[in-house]
Every structure is written in structure tokens, then in C-alpha cells.
Amino acid sequence: MRTARKDEIDLTQVQTSLEVFLESYNKNIPAGFPRASVAILKKFQSIYPMLFKHGNTWSVALYRKKVIDWLSSYRNAD
């Protein structure tokens, strides 16, 4: 029997569109952390093309922490 938490974890493994990733990222990011936008995620993708071996697909499990780390330093550089 699968639990709701297990189903949620499985969904984070799925390769998805930038828009779905963006919605999930901003919905689940803790208060005080920088929010993402389509433009910011496209910038991240252009800086780290080697992370996108599956084309233009995103994975919460693979990219969430990387985006958090990058976005924090990107915002501080402004």
C-alpha cells in the first residue's frame, strides 16, 4: 500500500515542464527564500546546460536544491 507521502516523493522524481517545476518550487519554498520566475529559471538553465540531459525538462528532485543555492547567490550578487 502506498502512502500519500510516497506518492508525493515519486512525483518529485518525474521530469516535467518548466512551468510545472516553477509552480511546485514556489508553492513549496519556505518563507523568506527567493521565489523563482520563468526568466530566472531560463537563466539558470542557460548557465548550467549540462544539468539538462533530458532536453527542456525539469525535475524537482534533481534541481530544487541547486536552484535554491544558485538563486540565493544570484540575488545577493545584484
N, C-alpha and C. Protein backbone atom coordinates (compact mmCIF):
# COMPACT_ATOMS: atom_id res chain seq x y z
N MET A 1 0.83 -1.18 0.00
CA MET A 1 0.00 0.00 0.00
C MET A 1 0.88 1.25 0.00
N ARG A 2 0.55 2.18 -0.85
CA ARG A 2 1.34 3.40 -0.98
C ARG A 2 0.74 4.49 -0.10
N THR A 3 1.61 5.26 0.47
CA THR A 3 1.15 6.37 1.30
C THR A 3 1.13 7.64 0.47
N ALA A 4 0.45 8.67 0.96
CA ALA A 4 0.41 9.96 0.27
C ALA A 4 1.82 10.54 0.16
N ARG A 5 2.60 10.39 1.21
CA ARG A 5 3.97 10.91 1.20
C ARG A 5 4.80 10.21 0.13
N LYS A 6 4.65 8.90 0.00
CA LYS A 6 5.39 8.14 -1.01
C LYS A 6 5.00 8.62 -2.41
N ASP A 7 3.70 8.86 -2.65
CA ASP A 7 3.25 9.36 -3.94
C ASP A 7 3.84 10.74 -4.22
N GLU A 8 3.92 11.59 -3.20
CA GLU A 8 4.50 12.91 -3.35
C GLU A 8 5.97 12.82 -3.72
N ILE A 9 6.71 11.93 -3.08
CA ILE A 9 8.12 11.74 -3.39
C ILE A 9 8.27 11.26 -4.83
N ASP A 10 7.43 10.33 -5.25
CA ASP A 10 7.50 9.84 -6.62
C ASP A 10 7.28 10.96 -7.63
N LEU A 11 6.35 11.88 -7.34
CA LEU A 11 6.08 12.98 -8.25
C LEU A 11 7.27 13.92 -8.39
N THR A 12 8.09 14.03 -7.37
CA THR A 12 9.25 14.91 -7.47
C THR A 12 10.32 14.31 -8.39
N GLN A 13 10.26 13.02 -8.64
CA GLN A 13 11.23 12.34 -9.50
C GLN A 13 10.90 12.52 -10.98
N VAL A 14 9.66 12.90 -11.29
CA VAL A 14 9.19 12.98 -12.66
C VAL A 14 9.82 14.16 -13.39
N GLN A 15 10.20 13.93 -14.63
CA GLN A 15 10.65 15.03 -15.49
C GLN A 15 9.41 15.78 -15.95
N THR A 16 9.42 17.11 -15.82
CA THR A 16 8.24 17.90 -16.09
C THR A 16 8.61 19.18 -16.83
N SER A 17 7.63 19.98 -17.13
CA SER A 17 7.89 21.25 -17.83
C SER A 17 8.41 22.30 -16.86
N LEU A 18 8.99 23.33 -17.41
CA LEU A 18 9.48 24.45 -16.61
C LEU A 18 8.33 25.06 -15.80
N GLU A 19 7.17 25.21 -16.41
CA GLU A 19 6.03 25.82 -15.73
C GLU A 19 5.57 25.01 -14.53
N VAL A 20 5.53 23.68 -14.67
CA VAL A 20 5.12 22.82 -13.56
C VAL A 20 6.17 22.86 -12.45
N PHE A 21 7.45 22.82 -12.84
CA PHE A 21 8.53 22.94 -11.86
C PHE A 21 8.42 24.26 -11.11
N LEU A 22 8.22 25.35 -11.83
CA LEU A 22 8.12 26.68 -11.23
C LEU A 22 6.98 26.74 -10.21
N GLU A 23 5.84 26.23 -10.58
CA GLU A 23 4.69 26.23 -9.66
C GLU A 23 5.00 25.43 -8.40
N SER A 24 5.56 24.25 -8.56
CA SER A 24 5.90 23.41 -7.41
C SER A 24 6.97 24.06 -6.55
N TYR A 25 7.99 24.61 -7.20
CA TYR A 25 9.09 25.25 -6.48
C TYR A 25 8.56 26.39 -5.61
N ASN A 26 7.82 27.32 -6.21
CA ASN A 26 7.33 28.48 -5.47
C ASN A 26 6.29 28.10 -4.41
N LYS A 27 5.52 27.08 -4.67
CA LYS A 27 4.50 26.63 -3.71
C LYS A 27 5.14 26.02 -2.46
N ASN A 28 6.25 25.34 -2.63
CA ASN A 28 6.85 24.58 -1.53
C ASN A 28 8.11 25.20 -0.93
N ILE A 29 8.50 26.36 -1.40
CA ILE A 29 9.71 27.00 -0.87
C ILE A 29 9.37 27.66 0.47
N PRO A 30 10.25 27.54 1.45
CA PRO A 30 9.98 28.17 2.75
C PRO A 30 9.91 29.70 2.64
N ALA A 31 9.14 30.29 3.53
CA ALA A 31 9.04 31.75 3.58
C ALA A 31 10.43 32.34 3.78
N GLY A 32 10.69 33.43 3.13
CA GLY A 32 12.00 34.08 3.25
C GLY A 32 12.98 33.66 2.18
N PHE A 33 12.72 32.55 1.49
CA PHE A 33 13.60 32.13 0.40
C PHE A 33 13.17 32.86 -0.86
N PRO A 34 14.12 33.15 -1.76
CA PRO A 34 13.76 33.85 -3.00
C PRO A 34 12.84 33.00 -3.88
N ARG A 35 11.85 33.63 -4.46
CA ARG A 35 10.95 32.97 -5.39
C ARG A 35 11.59 32.95 -6.77
N ALA A 36 11.17 32.02 -7.59
CA ALA A 36 11.67 31.90 -8.96
C ALA A 36 10.64 32.47 -9.93
N SER A 37 11.10 32.71 -11.14
CA SER A 37 10.24 33.13 -12.24
C SER A 37 10.69 32.36 -13.48
N VAL A 38 9.91 32.44 -14.53
CA VAL A 38 10.30 31.77 -15.78
C VAL A 38 11.65 32.32 -16.26
N ALA A 39 11.81 33.64 -16.23
CA ALA A 39 13.06 34.25 -16.69
C ALA A 39 14.26 33.78 -15.86
N ILE A 40 14.09 33.71 -14.56
CA ILE A 40 15.18 33.27 -13.68
C ILE A 40 15.53 31.81 -13.96
N LEU A 41 14.52 30.97 -14.14
CA LEU A 41 14.80 29.55 -14.40
C LEU A 41 15.46 29.36 -15.76
N LYS A 42 15.08 30.15 -16.75
CA LYS A 42 15.73 30.06 -18.06
C LYS A 42 17.19 30.51 -17.96
N LYS A 43 17.46 31.52 -17.13
CA LYS A 43 18.85 31.96 -16.90
C LYS A 43 19.65 30.83 -16.25
N PHE A 44 19.08 30.18 -15.22
CA PHE A 44 19.72 29.04 -14.57
C PHE A 44 20.02 27.95 -15.59
N GLN A 45 19.06 27.65 -16.44
CA GLN A 45 19.23 26.61 -17.45
C GLN A 45 20.33 26.98 -18.45
N SER A 46 20.45 28.25 -18.78
CA SER A 46 21.49 28.66 -19.74
C SER A 46 22.88 28.61 -19.10
N ILE A 47 22.96 28.84 -17.79
CA ILE A 47 24.25 28.79 -17.10
C ILE A 47 24.69 27.35 -16.85
N TYR A 48 23.73 26.45 -16.62
CA TYR A 48 24.04 25.04 -16.31
C TYR A 48 23.41 24.08 -17.32
N PRO A 49 23.74 24.19 -18.61
CA PRO A 49 23.11 23.32 -19.62
C PRO A 49 23.44 21.84 -19.41
N MET A 50 24.56 21.54 -18.77
CA MET A 50 24.94 20.14 -18.57
C MET A 50 24.00 19.42 -17.60
N LEU A 51 23.22 20.16 -16.83
CA LEU A 51 22.25 19.54 -15.92
C LEU A 51 21.02 19.04 -16.66
N PHE A 52 20.79 19.55 -17.86
CA PHE A 52 19.56 19.26 -18.59
C PHE A 52 19.81 18.25 -19.69
N LYS A 53 20.14 17.04 -19.28
CA LYS A 53 20.45 15.96 -20.21
C LYS A 53 19.20 15.42 -20.90
N HIS A 54 18.02 15.75 -20.35
CA HIS A 54 16.75 15.28 -20.92
C HIS A 54 16.07 16.39 -21.70
N GLY A 55 16.84 17.30 -22.24
CA GLY A 55 16.26 18.41 -23.01
C GLY A 55 15.73 19.49 -22.10
N ASN A 56 14.57 19.98 -22.42
CA ASN A 56 13.97 21.10 -21.69
C ASN A 56 13.02 20.61 -20.61
N THR A 57 13.40 19.57 -19.88
CA THR A 57 12.55 19.07 -18.80
C THR A 57 13.23 19.32 -17.46
N TRP A 58 12.40 19.46 -16.46
CA TRP A 58 12.84 19.79 -15.11
C TRP A 58 12.39 18.71 -14.15
N SER A 59 13.13 18.53 -13.08
CA SER A 59 12.79 17.57 -12.03
C SER A 59 12.98 18.24 -10.68
N VAL A 60 11.94 18.24 -9.87
CA VAL A 60 12.04 18.83 -8.53
C VAL A 60 13.15 18.15 -7.76
N ALA A 61 13.24 16.84 -7.84
CA ALA A 61 14.25 16.09 -7.08
C ALA A 61 15.67 16.46 -7.51
N LEU A 62 15.87 16.69 -8.80
CA LEU A 62 17.21 16.98 -9.30
C LEU A 62 17.62 18.44 -9.19
N TYR A 63 16.68 19.35 -9.34
CA TYR A 63 17.04 20.76 -9.49
C TYR A 63 16.65 21.68 -8.35
N ARG A 64 15.74 21.28 -7.48
CA ARG A 64 15.24 22.19 -6.44
C ARG A 64 16.37 22.78 -5.59
N LYS A 65 17.20 21.93 -5.01
CA LYS A 65 18.28 22.42 -4.14
C LYS A 65 19.28 23.26 -4.93
N LYS A 66 19.59 22.83 -6.15
CA LYS A 66 20.53 23.59 -6.99
C LYS A 66 19.98 24.98 -7.29
N VAL A 67 18.69 25.07 -7.58
CA VAL A 67 18.08 26.37 -7.86
C VAL A 67 18.07 27.23 -6.60
N ILE A 68 17.75 26.64 -5.45
CA ILE A 68 17.77 27.39 -4.19
C ILE A 68 19.16 27.98 -3.95
N ASP A 69 20.18 27.17 -4.05
CA ASP A 69 21.55 27.63 -3.82
C ASP A 69 21.96 28.71 -4.82
N TRP A 70 21.70 28.46 -6.08
CA TRP A 70 22.07 29.41 -7.12
C TRP A 70 21.28 30.71 -6.96
N LEU A 71 19.98 30.61 -6.75
CA LEU A 71 19.14 31.78 -6.65
C LEU A 71 19.52 32.66 -5.46
N SER A 72 19.91 32.04 -4.37
CA SER A 72 20.35 32.81 -3.20
C SER A 72 21.59 33.62 -3.54
N SER A 73 22.57 33.01 -4.20
CA SER A 73 23.80 33.73 -4.55
C SER A 73 23.55 34.70 -5.71
N TYR A 74 22.68 34.36 -6.63
CA TYR A 74 22.33 35.22 -7.76
C TYR A 74 21.69 36.51 -7.26
N ARG A 75 20.76 36.39 -6.33
CA ARG A 75 20.07 37.56 -5.76
C ARG A 75 21.04 38.42 -4.94
N ASN A 76 21.97 37.79 -4.25
CA ASN A 76 22.93 38.54 -3.43
C ASN A 76 23.93 39.29 -4.30
N ALA A 77 24.12 38.85 -5.54
CA ALA A 77 25.08 39.49 -6.45
C ALA A 77 24.53 40.80 -7.03
N ASP A 78 23.21 40.98 -6.97
CA ASP A 78 22.59 42.21 -7.50
C ASP A 78 22.90 43.42 -6.66
